[in-house]
Structure formats: structure tokens, C-alpha cells
């Protein structure tokens, strides 16, 4: 159900963004960030809803990860610091007509920083 909600709202939000970009081309970057923020709010809401469910076929460590709000938060921050960073960088550079190259090194570095930070948190607590 959560995947269906994310899928349908993603299509609707993106269509609204395209219409707004055409109507107000001066605000493309603003609409991009609003679009991303809205997607993340919906994904977060669905993730925390699903995180409270306990499927019967999961046990032990898999069930712990599935229902862990800390793990879900880690995944969300991981997406923010890697993919969201790179796509945002693309949209900002596009405004200034600079060529775009995927910044894989920074994405990997960001993923490592987030993973180490959450690893320290999990070990400490």
C-alpha cells in the first residue's frame, strides 16, 4: 500500500511541477526543491507507517531492521546525502548553463560519512 501511495503521489507531484515550471519558468529551481521536499515528506510518512507493521514472515534481525525508525532515518538521510545532493546539484548548475557531470566521488564520500555517523550512533546506543 505504501509503495502504491508513493508511486501515485510521485506522478501527481511531478505533473504539477511540470505545469508550474511552464507557467512560471523563473521559479524552476524553487519548484524543484518544493517537489523534492514533498516527495520526502510522503516517503517518510509511508516509511514510518510501514515501520510499525510487523510482517509475519520476518524474524530476528530482519524484523528489527524493518521496524527500526533509526534504520529508516538512516536510509532517508543516505538518499538525501547522495542522490538528492547530485540531482539538486544538476538543477542548480542547469540554471547557470554549466555542464553537468555526476559527482560520484562526493556521493560515495557522503554515503560513507552518513554510514559511519549512524554506525557510531548504533554502537553507542
PDB file of N, CA and C in Angstrom:
ATOM      1  N   UNK A   1       0.827  -1.195   0.000  1.00  0.00           N
ATOM      2  CA  UNK A   1       0.000   0.000   0.000  1.00  0.00           C
ATOM      3  C   UNK A   1       0.874   1.263   0.000  1.00  0.00           C
ATOM      4  N   UNK A   2       1.925   1.242   0.823  1.00  0.00           N
ATOM      5  CA  UNK A   2       2.804   2.413   0.904  1.00  0.00           C
ATOM      6  C   UNK A   2       3.481   2.673  -0.440  1.00  0.00           C
ATOM      7  N   UNK A   3       3.918   1.619  -1.103  1.00  0.00           N
ATOM      8  CA  UNK A   3       4.569   1.777  -2.411  1.00  0.00           C
ATOM      9  C   UNK A   3       3.581   2.367  -3.413  1.00  0.00           C
ATOM     10  N   UNK A   4       2.337   1.922  -3.368  1.00  0.00           N
ATOM     11  CA  UNK A   4       1.306   2.470  -4.246  1.00  0.00           C
ATOM     12  C   UNK A   4       1.064   3.943  -3.988  1.00  0.00           C
ATOM     13  N   UNK A   5       1.015   4.327  -2.711  1.00  0.00           N
ATOM     14  CA  UNK A   5       0.832   5.742  -2.353  1.00  0.00           C
ATOM     15  C   UNK A   5       2.004   6.571  -2.858  1.00  0.00           C
ATOM     16  N   UNK A   6       3.216   6.081  -2.636  1.00  0.00           N
ATOM     17  CA  UNK A   6       4.405   6.802  -3.095  1.00  0.00           C
ATOM     18  C   UNK A   6       4.392   6.936  -4.614  1.00  0.00           C
ATOM     19  N   UNK A   7       4.074   5.872  -5.304  1.00  0.00           N
ATOM     20  CA  UNK A   7       4.053   5.861  -6.767  1.00  0.00           C
ATOM     21  C   UNK A   7       3.030   6.862  -7.316  1.00  0.00           C
ATOM     22  N   UNK A   8       1.806   6.794  -6.833  1.00  0.00           N
ATOM     23  CA  UNK A   8       0.747   7.667  -7.341  1.00  0.00           C
ATOM     24  C   UNK A   8       1.027   9.128  -7.012  1.00  0.00           C
ATOM     25  N   UNK A   9       1.425   9.408  -5.767  1.00  0.00           N
ATOM     26  CA  UNK A   9       1.703  10.809  -5.412  1.00  0.00           C
ATOM     27  C   UNK A   9       2.922  11.333  -6.161  1.00  0.00           C
ATOM     28  N   UNK A  10       3.892  10.462  -6.431  1.00  0.00           N
ATOM     29  CA  UNK A  10       5.075  10.885  -7.184  1.00  0.00           C
ATOM     30  C   UNK A  10       4.673  11.377  -8.576  1.00  0.00           C
ATOM     31  N   UNK A  11       3.813  10.624  -9.243  1.00  0.00           N
ATOM     32  CA  UNK A  11       3.349  11.018 -10.575  1.00  0.00           C
ATOM     33  C   UNK A  11       2.580  12.335 -10.510  1.00  0.00           C
ATOM     34  N   UNK A  12       1.685  12.461  -9.546  1.00  0.00           N
ATOM     35  CA  UNK A  12       0.872  13.676  -9.411  1.00  0.00           C
ATOM     36  C   UNK A  12       1.754  14.885  -9.117  1.00  0.00           C
ATOM     37  N   UNK A  13       2.663  14.737  -8.166  1.00  0.00           N
ATOM     38  CA  UNK A  13       3.551  15.852  -7.791  1.00  0.00           C
ATOM     39  C   UNK A  13       4.410  16.269  -8.976  1.00  0.00           C
ATOM     40  N   UNK A  14       4.969  15.304  -9.696  1.00  0.00           N
ATOM     41  CA  UNK A  14       5.810  15.639 -10.850  1.00  0.00           C
ATOM     42  C   UNK A  14       5.019  16.324 -11.952  1.00  0.00           C
ATOM     43  N   UNK A  15       3.776  15.918 -12.176  1.00  0.00           N
ATOM     44  CA  UNK A  15       2.938  16.571 -13.190  1.00  0.00           C
ATOM     45  C   UNK A  15       2.621  18.018 -12.787  1.00  0.00           C
ATOM     46  N   UNK A  16       2.342  18.226 -11.514  1.00  0.00           N
ATOM     47  CA  UNK A  16       2.086  19.582 -11.026  1.00  0.00           C
ATOM     48  C   UNK A  16       3.335  20.436 -11.185  1.00  0.00           C
ATOM     49  N   UNK A  17       4.501  19.854 -10.874  1.00  0.00           N
ATOM     50  CA  UNK A  17       5.763  20.598 -11.023  1.00  0.00           C
ATOM     51  C   UNK A  17       5.990  20.996 -12.477  1.00  0.00           C
ATOM     52  N   UNK A  18       5.736  20.096 -13.414  1.00  0.00           N
ATOM     53  CA  UNK A  18       5.919  20.405 -14.837  1.00  0.00           C
ATOM     54  C   UNK A  18       4.996  21.551 -15.255  1.00  0.00           C
ATOM     55  N   UNK A  19       3.743  21.497 -14.803  1.00  0.00           N
ATOM     56  CA  UNK A  19       2.798  22.574 -15.146  1.00  0.00           C
ATOM     57  C   UNK A  19       3.244  23.912 -14.552  1.00  0.00           C
ATOM     58  N   UNK A  20       3.703  23.883 -13.309  1.00  0.00           N
ATOM     59  CA  UNK A  20       4.169  25.117 -12.673  1.00  0.00           C
ATOM     60  C   UNK A  20       5.435  25.647 -13.342  1.00  0.00           C
ATOM     61  N   UNK A  21       6.335  24.741 -13.740  1.00  0.00           N
ATOM     62  CA  UNK A  21       7.555  25.171 -14.436  1.00  0.00           C
ATOM     63  C   UNK A  21       7.223  25.879 -15.747  1.00  0.00           C
ATOM     64  N   UNK A  22       6.219  25.374 -16.459  1.00  0.00           N
ATOM     65  CA  UNK A  22       5.812  26.009 -17.714  1.00  0.00           C
ATOM     66  C   UNK A  22       5.148  27.353 -17.459  1.00  0.00           C
ATOM     67  N   UNK A  23       4.335  27.428 -16.422  1.00  0.00           N
ATOM     68  CA  UNK A  23       3.616  28.672 -16.125  1.00  0.00           C
ATOM     69  C   UNK A  23       4.544  29.725 -15.509  1.00  0.00           C
ATOM     70  N   UNK A  24       5.512  29.282 -14.725  1.00  0.00           N
ATOM     71  CA  UNK A  24       6.418  30.207 -14.026  1.00  0.00           C
ATOM     72  C   UNK A  24       7.865  29.764 -14.214  1.00  0.00           C
ATOM     73  N   UNK A  25       8.425  29.915 -15.408  1.00  0.00           N
ATOM     74  CA  UNK A  25       9.780  29.408 -15.678  1.00  0.00           C
ATOM     75  C   UNK A  25      10.864  30.057 -14.813  1.00  0.00           C
ATOM     76  N   UNK A  26      10.570  31.192 -14.271  1.00  0.00           N
ATOM     77  CA  UNK A  26      11.539  31.897 -13.430  1.00  0.00           C
ATOM     78  C   UNK A  26      11.776  31.155 -12.099  1.00  0.00           C
ATOM     79  N   UNK A  27      10.828  30.301 -11.711  1.00  0.00           N
ATOM     80  CA  UNK A  27      10.887  29.641 -10.407  1.00  0.00           C
ATOM     81  C   UNK A  27      11.149  28.138 -10.499  1.00  0.00           C
ATOM     82  N   UNK A  28      11.794  27.694 -11.574  1.00  0.00           N
ATOM     83  CA  UNK A  28      12.049  26.267 -11.778  1.00  0.00           C
ATOM     84  C   UNK A  28      12.815  25.672 -10.596  1.00  0.00           C
ATOM     85  N   UNK A  29      13.833  26.336 -10.115  1.00  0.00           N
ATOM     86  CA  UNK A  29      14.632  25.808  -9.011  1.00  0.00           C
ATOM     87  C   UNK A  29      13.801  25.706  -7.729  1.00  0.00           C
ATOM     88  N   UNK A  30      12.985  26.706  -7.456  1.00  0.00           N
ATOM     89  CA  UNK A  30      12.111  26.668  -6.280  1.00  0.00           C
ATOM     90  C   UNK A  30      11.153  25.478  -6.364  1.00  0.00           C
ATOM     91  N   UNK A  31      10.533  25.300  -7.545  1.00  0.00           N
ATOM     92  CA  UNK A  31       9.592  24.192  -7.715  1.00  0.00           C
ATOM     93  C   UNK A  31      10.298  22.846  -7.603  1.00  0.00           C
ATOM     94  N   UNK A  32      11.538  22.779  -8.040  1.00  0.00           N
ATOM     95  CA  UNK A  32      12.294  21.536  -7.905  1.00  0.00           C
ATOM     96  C   UNK A  32      12.460  21.177  -6.427  1.00  0.00           C
ATOM     97  N   UNK A  33      12.914  22.145  -5.611  1.00  0.00           N
ATOM     98  CA  UNK A  33      13.119  21.864  -4.191  1.00  0.00           C
ATOM     99  C   UNK A  33      11.799  21.582  -3.478  1.00  0.00           C
ATOM    100  N   UNK A  34      10.739  22.283  -3.852  1.00  0.00           N
ATOM    101  CA  UNK A  34       9.425  22.003  -3.283  1.00  0.00           C
ATOM    102  C   UNK A  34       8.977  20.589  -3.646  1.00  0.00           C
ATOM    103  N   UNK A  35       9.200  20.195  -4.892  1.00  0.00           N
ATOM    104  CA  UNK A  35       8.895  18.852  -5.370  1.00  0.00           C
ATOM    105  C   UNK A  35       9.644  17.810  -4.551  1.00  0.00           C
ATOM    106  N   UNK A  36      10.938  17.999  -4.366  1.00  0.00           N
ATOM    107  CA  UNK A  36      11.747  17.040  -3.621  1.00  0.00           C
ATOM    108  C   UNK A  36      11.316  16.970  -2.159  1.00  0.00           C
ATOM    109  N   UNK A  37      11.052  18.117  -1.563  1.00  0.00           N
ATOM    110  CA  UNK A  37      10.611  18.158  -0.169  1.00  0.00           C
ATOM    111  C   UNK A  37       9.306  17.386  -0.006  1.00  0.00           C
ATOM    112  N   UNK A  38       8.374  17.602  -0.917  1.00  0.00           N
ATOM    113  CA  UNK A  38       7.082  16.922  -0.853  1.00  0.00           C
ATOM    114  C   UNK A  38       7.253  15.410  -1.011  1.00  0.00           C
ATOM    115  N   UNK A  39       8.099  14.996  -1.945  1.00  0.00           N
ATOM    116  CA  UNK A  39       8.368  13.558  -2.105  1.00  0.00           C
ATOM    117  C   UNK A  39       8.918  12.966  -0.804  1.00  0.00           C
ATOM    118  N   UNK A  40       9.875  13.650  -0.197  1.00  0.00           N
ATOM    119  CA  UNK A  40      10.494  13.125   1.021  1.00  0.00           C
ATOM    120  C   UNK A  40       9.517  13.062   2.183  1.00  0.00           C
ATOM    121  N   UNK A  41       8.625  14.039   2.283  1.00  0.00           N
ATOM    122  CA  UNK A  41       7.612  14.014   3.345  1.00  0.00           C
ATOM    123  C   UNK A  41       6.709  12.789   3.166  1.00  0.00           C
ATOM    124  N   UNK A  42       6.283  12.545   1.946  1.00  0.00           N
ATOM    125  CA  UNK A  42       5.405  11.393   1.681  1.00  0.00           C
ATOM    126  C   UNK A  42       6.136  10.078   1.926  1.00  0.00           C
ATOM    127  N   UNK A  43       7.379   9.979   1.458  1.00  0.00           N
ATOM    128  CA  UNK A  43       8.161   8.761   1.671  1.00  0.00           C
ATOM    129  C   UNK A  43       8.389   8.525   3.170  1.00  0.00           C
ATOM    130  N   UNK A  44       8.712   9.598   3.899  1.00  0.00           N
ATOM    131  CA  UNK A  44       8.939   9.483   5.340  1.00  0.00           C
ATOM    132  C   UNK A  44       7.673   9.031   6.049  1.00  0.00           C
ATOM    133  N   UNK A  45       6.549   9.638   5.710  1.00  0.00           N
ATOM    134  CA  UNK A  45       5.279   9.256   6.342  1.00  0.00           C
ATOM    135  C   UNK A  45       4.971   7.781   6.060  1.00  0.00           C
ATOM    136  N   UNK A  46       5.155   7.361   4.824  1.00  0.00           N
ATOM    137  CA  UNK A  46       4.903   5.954   4.475  1.00  0.00           C
ATOM    138  C   UNK A  46       5.892   5.030   5.176  1.00  0.00           C
ATOM    139  N   UNK A  47       7.153   5.434   5.251  1.00  0.00           N
ATOM    140  CA  UNK A  47       8.171   4.600   5.891  1.00  0.00           C
ATOM    141  C   UNK A  47       7.868   4.408   7.372  1.00  0.00           C
ATOM    142  N   UNK A  48       7.465   5.465   8.046  1.00  0.00           N
ATOM    143  CA  UNK A  48       7.172   5.326   9.470  1.00  0.00           C
ATOM    144  C   UNK A  48       5.881   4.558   9.696  1.00  0.00           C
ATOM    145  N   UNK A  49       4.932   4.669   8.781  1.00  0.00           N
ATOM    146  CA  UNK A  49       3.714   3.860   8.871  1.00  0.00           C
ATOM    147  C   UNK A  49       4.054   2.381   8.680  1.00  0.00           C
ATOM    148  N   UNK A  50       4.810   2.095   7.642  1.00  0.00           N
ATOM    149  CA  UNK A  50       5.193   0.712   7.358  1.00  0.00           C
ATOM    150  C   UNK A  50       6.099   0.182   8.462  1.00  0.00           C
ATOM    151  N   UNK A  51       6.930   1.048   9.028  1.00  0.00           N
ATOM    152  CA  UNK A  51       7.844   0.635  10.096  1.00  0.00           C
ATOM    153  C   UNK A  51       7.126   0.104  11.325  1.00  0.00           C
ATOM    154  N   UNK A  52       5.879   0.484  11.520  1.00  0.00           N
ATOM    155  CA  UNK A  52       5.115  -0.003  12.672  1.00  0.00           C
ATOM    156  C   UNK A  52       4.422  -1.334  12.392  1.00  0.00           C
ATOM    157  N   UNK A  53       4.427  -1.747  11.144  1.00  0.00           N
ATOM    158  CA  UNK A  53       3.841  -3.038  10.793  1.00  0.00           C
ATOM    159  C   UNK A  53       4.856  -4.139  11.045  1.00  0.00           C
ATOM    160  N   UNK A  54       4.400  -5.291  11.373  1.00  0.00           N
ATOM    161  CA  UNK A  54       5.308  -6.409  11.593  1.00  0.00           C
ATOM    162  C   UNK A  54       4.854  -7.600  10.754  1.00  0.00           C
ATOM    163  N   UNK A  55       5.435  -7.762   9.574  1.00  0.00           N
ATOM    164  CA  UNK A  55       5.037  -8.892   8.730  1.00  0.00           C
ATOM    165  C   UNK A  55       5.424 -10.215   9.381  1.00  0.00           C
ATOM    166  N   UNK A  56       4.588 -11.195   9.189  1.00  0.00           N
ATOM    167  CA  UNK A  56       4.776 -12.477   9.860  1.00  0.00           C
ATOM    168  C   UNK A  56       5.966 -13.270   9.330  1.00  0.00           C
ATOM    169  N   UNK A  57       6.394 -13.028   8.091  1.00  0.00           N
ATOM    170  CA  UNK A  57       7.498 -13.814   7.539  1.00  0.00           C
ATOM    171  C   UNK A  57       8.882 -13.292   7.921  1.00  0.00           C
ATOM    172  N   UNK A  58       8.955 -12.152   8.588  1.00  0.00           N
ATOM    173  CA  UNK A  58      10.252 -11.623   9.034  1.00  0.00           C
ATOM    174  C   UNK A  58      10.478 -11.994  10.497  1.00  0.00           C
ATOM    175  N   UNK A  59      11.710 -12.371  10.806  1.00  0.00           N
ATOM    176  CA  UNK A  59      12.059 -12.684  12.192  1.00  0.00           C
ATOM    177  C   UNK A  59      13.457 -12.155  12.480  1.00  0.00           C
ATOM    178  N   UNK A  60      13.787 -12.085  13.730  1.00  0.00           N
ATOM    179  CA  UNK A  60      15.132 -11.729  14.167  1.00  0.00           C
ATOM    180  C   UNK A  60      15.611 -10.380  13.669  1.00  0.00           C
ATOM    181  N   UNK A  61      16.829 -10.371  13.117  1.00  0.00           N
ATOM    182  CA  UNK A  61      17.462  -9.130  12.664  1.00  0.00           C
ATOM    183  C   UNK A  61      16.703  -8.438  11.547  1.00  0.00           C
ATOM    184  N   UNK A  62      16.122  -9.213  10.638  1.00  0.00           N
ATOM    185  CA  UNK A  62      15.362  -8.613   9.533  1.00  0.00           C
ATOM    186  C   UNK A  62      14.162  -7.846  10.068  1.00  0.00           C
ATOM    187  N   UNK A  63      13.479  -8.409  11.056  1.00  0.00           N
ATOM    188  CA  UNK A  63      12.325  -7.738  11.652  1.00  0.00           C
ATOM    189  C   UNK A  63      12.774  -6.491  12.407  1.00  0.00           C
ATOM    190  N   UNK A  64      13.907  -6.588  13.091  1.00  0.00           N
ATOM    191  CA  UNK A  64      14.438  -5.426  13.821  1.00  0.00           C
ATOM    192  C   UNK A  64      14.737  -4.270  12.866  1.00  0.00           C
ATOM    193  N   UNK A  65      15.381  -4.558  11.739  1.00  0.00           N
ATOM    194  CA  UNK A  65      15.675  -3.503  10.758  1.00  0.00           C
ATOM    195  C   UNK A  65      14.398  -2.942  10.153  1.00  0.00           C
ATOM    196  N   UNK A  66      13.482  -3.830   9.825  1.00  0.00           N
ATOM    197  CA  UNK A  66      12.230  -3.428   9.188  1.00  0.00           C
ATOM    198  C   UNK A  66      11.432  -2.473  10.063  1.00  0.00           C
ATOM    199  N   UNK A  67      11.465  -2.669  11.360  1.00  0.00           N
ATOM    200  CA  UNK A  67      10.658  -1.856  12.266  1.00  0.00           C
ATOM    201  C   UNK A  67      11.477  -0.790  12.995  1.00  0.00           C
ATOM    202  N   UNK A  68      12.716  -0.600  12.619  1.00  0.00           N
ATOM    203  CA  UNK A  68      13.589   0.366  13.283  1.00  0.00           C
ATOM    204  C   UNK A  68      13.455   1.754  12.664  1.00  0.00           C
ATOM    205  N   UNK A  69      12.975   2.711  13.441  1.00  0.00           N
ATOM    206  CA  UNK A  69      12.886   4.081  12.943  1.00  0.00           C
ATOM    207  C   UNK A  69      14.281   4.660  12.694  1.00  0.00           C
ATOM    208  N   UNK A  70      15.259   4.224  13.461  1.00  0.00           N
ATOM    209  CA  UNK A  70      16.622   4.693  13.256  1.00  0.00           C
ATOM    210  C   UNK A  70      17.145   4.222  11.901  1.00  0.00           C
ATOM    211  N   UNK A  71      16.868   2.975  11.539  1.00  0.00           N
ATOM    212  CA  UNK A  71      17.327   2.444  10.254  1.00  0.00           C
ATOM    213  C   UNK A  71      16.623   3.144   9.094  1.00  0.00           C
ATOM    214  N   UNK A  72      15.334   3.382   9.234  1.00  0.00           N
ATOM    215  CA  UNK A  72      14.575   4.097   8.201  1.00  0.00           C
ATOM    216  C   UNK A  72      15.125   5.515   8.057  1.00  0.00           C
ATOM    217  N   UNK A  73      15.410   6.162   9.185  1.00  0.00           N
ATOM    218  CA  UNK A  73      16.000   7.511   9.147  1.00  0.00           C
ATOM    219  C   UNK A  73      17.354   7.480   8.462  1.00  0.00           C
ATOM    220  N   UNK A  74      18.165   6.469   8.765  1.00  0.00           N
ATOM    221  CA  UNK A  74      19.465   6.308   8.114  1.00  0.00           C
ATOM    222  C   UNK A  74      19.301   6.224   6.596  1.00  0.00           C
ATOM    223  N   UNK A  75      18.374   5.404   6.139  1.00  0.00           N
ATOM    224  CA  UNK A  75      18.160   5.256   4.702  1.00  0.00           C
ATOM    225  C   UNK A  75      17.710   6.571   4.062  1.00  0.00           C
ATOM    226  N   UNK A  76      16.832   7.295   4.733  1.00  0.00           N
ATOM    227  CA  UNK A  76      16.371   8.580   4.198  1.00  0.00           C
ATOM    228  C   UNK A  76      17.521   9.590   4.108  1.00  0.00           C
ATOM    229  N   UNK A  77      18.326   9.662   5.150  1.00  0.00           N
ATOM    230  CA  UNK A  77      19.464  10.593   5.135  1.00  0.00           C
ATOM    231  C   UNK A  77      20.492  10.148   4.090  1.00  0.00           C
ATOM    232  N   UNK A  78      20.652   8.852   3.919  1.00  0.00           N
ATOM    233  CA  UNK A  78      21.556   8.339   2.894  1.00  0.00           C
ATOM    234  C   UNK A  78      21.101   8.790   1.502  1.00  0.00           C
ATOM    235  N   UNK A  79      19.815   8.681   1.238  1.00  0.00           N
ATOM    236  CA  UNK A  79      19.277   9.138  -0.056  1.00  0.00           C
ATOM    237  C   UNK A  79      19.462  10.641  -0.204  1.00  0.00           C
ATOM    238  N   UNK A  80      19.204  11.390   0.855  1.00  0.00           N
ATOM    239  CA  UNK A  80      19.383  12.852   0.804  1.00  0.00           C
ATOM    240  C   UNK A  80      20.825  13.239   0.506  1.00  0.00           C
ATOM    241  N   UNK A  81      21.755  12.584   1.156  1.00  0.00           N
ATOM    242  CA  UNK A  81      23.159  12.984   1.043  1.00  0.00           C
ATOM    243  C   UNK A  81      23.840  12.456  -0.224  1.00  0.00           C
ATOM    244  N   UNK A  82      23.185  11.576  -0.949  1.00  0.00           N
ATOM    245  CA  UNK A  82      23.789  11.044  -2.168  1.00  0.00           C
ATOM    246  C   UNK A  82      22.978  11.458  -3.393  1.00  0.00           C
ATOM    247  N   UNK A  83      21.894  10.789  -3.629  1.00  0.00           N
ATOM    248  CA  UNK A  83      21.108  11.028  -4.848  1.00  0.00           C
ATOM    249  C   UNK A  83      20.496  12.436  -4.867  1.00  0.00           C
ATOM    250  N   UNK A  84      19.858  12.837  -3.773  1.00  0.00           N
ATOM    251  CA  UNK A  84      19.245  14.165  -3.719  1.00  0.00           C
ATOM    252  C   UNK A  84      20.307  15.251  -3.917  1.00  0.00           C
ATOM    253  N   UNK A  85      21.470  15.070  -3.301  1.00  0.00           N
ATOM    254  CA  UNK A  85      22.576  16.014  -3.477  1.00  0.00           C
ATOM    255  C   UNK A  85      22.927  16.141  -4.957  1.00  0.00           C
ATOM    256  N   UNK A  86      23.072  15.013  -5.644  1.00  0.00           N
ATOM    257  CA  UNK A  86      23.523  15.039  -7.029  1.00  0.00           C
ATOM    258  C   UNK A  86      22.460  15.630  -7.961  1.00  0.00           C
ATOM    259  N   UNK A  87      21.211  15.267  -7.771  1.00  0.00           N
ATOM    260  CA  UNK A  87      20.138  15.812  -8.609  1.00  0.00           C
ATOM    261  C   UNK A  87      19.979  17.304  -8.359  1.00  0.00           C
ATOM    262  N   UNK A  88      20.074  17.725  -7.112  1.00  0.00           N
ATOM    263  CA  UNK A  88      19.976  19.156  -6.781  1.00  0.00           C
ATOM    264  C   UNK A  88      21.119  19.929  -7.430  1.00  0.00           C
ATOM    265  N   UNK A  89      22.295  19.363  -7.366  1.00  0.00           N
ATOM    266  CA  UNK A  89      23.461  19.988  -7.998  1.00  0.00           C
ATOM    267  C   UNK A  89      23.221  20.163  -9.499  1.00  0.00           C
ATOM    268  N   UNK A  90      22.616  19.167 -10.117  1.00  0.00           N
ATOM    269  CA  UNK A  90      22.287  19.248 -11.538  1.00  0.00           C
ATOM    270  C   UNK A  90      21.350  20.427 -11.805  1.00  0.00           C
ATOM    271  N   UNK A  91      20.287  20.548 -11.020  1.00  0.00           N
ATOM    272  CA  UNK A  91      19.319  21.620 -11.250  1.00  0.00           C
ATOM    273  C   UNK A  91      19.925  22.996 -11.013  1.00  0.00           C
ATOM    274  N   UNK A  92      20.779  23.119 -10.025  1.00  0.00           N
ATOM    275  CA  UNK A  92      21.425  24.409  -9.759  1.00  0.00           C
ATOM    276  C   UNK A  92      22.374  24.769 -10.899  1.00  0.00           C
ATOM    277  N   UNK A  93      23.176  23.824 -11.338  1.00  0.00           N
ATOM    278  CA  UNK A  93      24.120  24.082 -12.428  1.00  0.00           C
ATOM    279  C   UNK A  93      23.385  24.365 -13.735  1.00  0.00           C
ATOM    280  N   UNK A  94      22.241  23.739 -13.928  1.00  0.00           N
ATOM    281  CA  UNK A  94      21.458  23.949 -15.136  1.00  0.00           C
ATOM    282  C   UNK A  94      21.001  25.401 -15.245  1.00  0.00           C
ATOM    283  N   UNK A  95      20.722  26.019 -14.106  1.00  0.00           N
ATOM    284  CA  UNK A  95      20.301  27.419 -14.091  1.00  0.00           C
ATOM    285  C   UNK A  95      21.394  28.332 -14.651  1.00  0.00           C
ATOM    286  N   UNK A  96      22.638  27.925 -14.447  1.00  0.00           N
ATOM    287  CA  UNK A  96      23.763  28.740 -14.880  1.00  0.00           C
ATOM    288  C   UNK A  96      24.406  28.205 -16.155  1.00  0.00           C
ATOM    289  N   UNK A  97      23.739  27.253 -16.792  1.00  0.00           N
ATOM    290  CA  UNK A  97      24.184  26.665 -18.054  1.00  0.00           C
ATOM    291  C   UNK A  97      25.604  26.113 -17.981  1.00  0.00           C
ATOM    292  N   UNK A  98      25.948  25.539 -16.852  1.00  0.00           N
ATOM    293  CA  UNK A  98      27.252  24.882 -16.711  1.00  0.00           C
ATOM    294  C   UNK A  98      27.085  23.410 -17.049  1.00  0.00           C
ATOM    295  N   UNK A  99      28.099  22.800 -17.623  1.00  0.00           N
ATOM    296  CA  UNK A  99      27.982  21.370 -17.946  1.00  0.00           C
ATOM    297  C   UNK A  99      27.858  20.538 -16.665  1.00  0.00           C
ATOM    298  N   UNK A 100      27.121  19.466 -16.756  1.00  0.00           N
ATOM    299  CA  UNK A 100      26.895  18.607 -15.600  1.00  0.00           C
ATOM    300  C   UNK A 100      27.631  17.290 -15.747  1.00  0.00           C
ATOM    301  N   UNK A 101      28.320  16.921 -14.698  1.00  0.00           N
ATOM    302  CA  UNK A 101      28.922  15.595 -14.612  1.00  0.00           C
ATOM    303  C   UNK A 101      28.546  15.032 -13.247  1.00  0.00           C
ATOM    304  N   UNK A 102      28.112  13.790 -13.231  1.00  0.00           N
ATOM    305  CA  UNK A 102      27.727  13.161 -11.959  1.00  0.00           C
ATOM    306  C   UNK A 102      28.919  13.188 -11.006  1.00  0.00           C
ATOM    307  N   UNK A 103      28.667  13.606  -9.771  1.00  0.00           N
ATOM    308  CA  UNK A 103      29.715  13.736  -8.761  1.00  0.00           C
ATOM    309  C   UNK A 103      29.748  12.472  -7.895  1.00  0.00           C
ATOM    310  N   UNK A 104      30.157  11.379  -8.490  1.00  0.00           N
ATOM    311  CA  UNK A 104      30.143  10.077  -7.822  1.00  0.00           C
ATOM    312  C   UNK A 104      31.049  10.055  -6.595  1.00  0.00           C
ATOM    313  N   UNK A 105      32.205  10.691  -6.685  1.00  0.00           N
ATOM    314  CA  UNK A 105      33.138  10.689  -5.548  1.00  0.00           C
ATOM    315  C   UNK A 105      32.511  11.334  -4.320  1.00  0.00           C
ATOM    316  N   UNK A 106      31.860  12.473  -4.495  1.00  0.00           N
ATOM    317  CA  UNK A 106      31.224  13.138  -3.358  1.00  0.00           C
ATOM    318  C   UNK A 106      30.035  12.332  -2.849  1.00  0.00           C
ATOM    319  N   UNK A 107      29.292  11.706  -3.758  1.00  0.00           N
ATOM    320  CA  UNK A 107      28.171  10.874  -3.333  1.00  0.00           C
ATOM    321  C   UNK A 107      28.669   9.718  -2.458  1.00  0.00           C
ATOM    322  N   UNK A 108      29.767   9.085  -2.861  1.00  0.00           N
ATOM    323  CA  UNK A 108      30.339   7.978  -2.084  1.00  0.00           C
ATOM    324  C   UNK A 108      30.860   8.484  -0.747  1.00  0.00           C
ATOM    325  N   UNK A 109      31.546   9.629  -0.771  1.00  0.00           N
ATOM    326  CA  UNK A 109      32.068  10.210   0.468  1.00  0.00           C
ATOM    327  C   UNK A 109      30.916  10.536   1.420  1.00  0.00           C
ATOM    328  N   UNK A 110      29.845  11.135   0.908  1.00  0.00           N
ATOM    329  CA  UNK A 110      28.685  11.451   1.739  1.00  0.00           C
ATOM    330  C   UNK A 110      28.061  10.186   2.317  1.00  0.00           C
ATOM    331  N   UNK A 111      27.964   9.135   1.507  1.00  0.00           N
ATOM    332  CA  UNK A 111      27.401   7.866   1.973  1.00  0.00           C
ATOM    333  C   UNK A 111      28.257   7.293   3.101  1.00  0.00           C
ATOM    334  N   UNK A 112      29.568   7.392   2.958  1.00  0.00           N
ATOM    335  CA  UNK A 112      30.466   6.871   3.993  1.00  0.00           C
ATOM    336  C   UNK A 112      30.326   7.670   5.285  1.00  0.00           C
ATOM    337  N   UNK A 113      30.247   8.983   5.184  1.00  0.00           N
ATOM    338  CA  UNK A 113      30.098   9.831   6.376  1.00  0.00           C
ATOM    339  C   UNK A 113      28.804   9.494   7.107  1.00  0.00           C
ATOM    340  N   UNK A 114      27.711   9.401   6.362  1.00  0.00           N
ATOM    341  CA  UNK A 114      26.414   9.079   6.969  1.00  0.00           C
ATOM    342  C   UNK A 114      26.454   7.691   7.609  1.00  0.00           C
ATOM    343  N   UNK A 115      27.047   6.732   6.921  1.00  0.00           N
ATOM    344  CA  UNK A 115      27.110   5.367   7.436  1.00  0.00           C
ATOM    345  C   UNK A 115      27.948   5.297   8.708  1.00  0.00           C
ATOM    346  N   UNK A 116      29.092   5.954   8.725  1.00  0.00           N
ATOM    347  CA  UNK A 116      29.941   5.964   9.922  1.00  0.00           C
ATOM    348  C   UNK A 116      29.212   6.652  11.077  1.00  0.00           C
ATOM    349  N   UNK A 117      28.559   7.793  10.795  1.00  0.00           N
ATOM    350  CA  UNK A 117      27.843   8.514  11.851  1.00  0.00           C
ATOM    351  C   UNK A 117      26.743   7.647  12.461  1.00  0.00           C
ATOM    352  N   UNK A 118      25.970   6.977  11.620  1.00  0.00           N
ATOM    353  CA  UNK A 118      24.921   6.110  12.149  1.00  0.00           C
ATOM    354  C   UNK A 118      25.514   4.872  12.811  1.00  0.00           C
ATOM    355  N   UNK A 119      26.630   4.378  12.298  1.00  0.00           N
ATOM    356  CA  UNK A 119      27.301   3.245  12.938  1.00  0.00           C
ATOM    357  C   UNK A 119      27.730   3.591  14.353  1.00  0.00           C
ATOM    358  N   UNK A 120      28.307   4.771  14.522  1.00  0.00           N
ATOM    359  CA  UNK A 120      28.711   5.231  15.859  1.00  0.00           C
ATOM    360  C   UNK A 120      27.475   5.352  16.753  1.00  0.00           C
ATOM    361  N   UNK A 121      26.398   5.889  16.202  1.00  0.00           N
ATOM    362  CA  UNK A 121      25.157   6.027  16.984  1.00  0.00           C
ATOM    363  C   UNK A 121      24.644   4.662  17.418  1.00  0.00           C
ATOM    364  N   UNK A 122      24.617   3.675  16.493  1.00  0.00           N
ATOM    365  CA  UNK A 122      24.114   2.342  16.827  1.00  0.00           C
ATOM    366  C   UNK A 122      24.981   1.639  17.864  1.00  0.00           C
ATOM    367  N   UNK A 123      26.300   1.811  17.761  1.00  0.00           N
ATOM    368  CA  UNK A 123      27.205   1.169  18.716  1.00  0.00           C
ATOM    369  C   UNK A 123      27.088   1.839  20.086  1.00  0.00           C
ATOM    370  N   UNK A 124      26.981   3.169  20.088  1.00  0.00           N
ATOM    371  CA  UNK A 124      26.920   3.915  21.348  1.00  0.00           C
ATOM    372  C   UNK A 124      25.613   3.710  22.086  1.00  0.00           C
ATOM    373  N   UNK A 125      24.543   3.476  21.345  1.00  0.00           N
ATOM    374  CA  UNK A 125      23.229   3.355  21.977  1.00  0.00           C
ATOM    375  C   UNK A 125      22.714   1.959  21.786  1.00  0.00           C
TER     376      UNK A 125
END
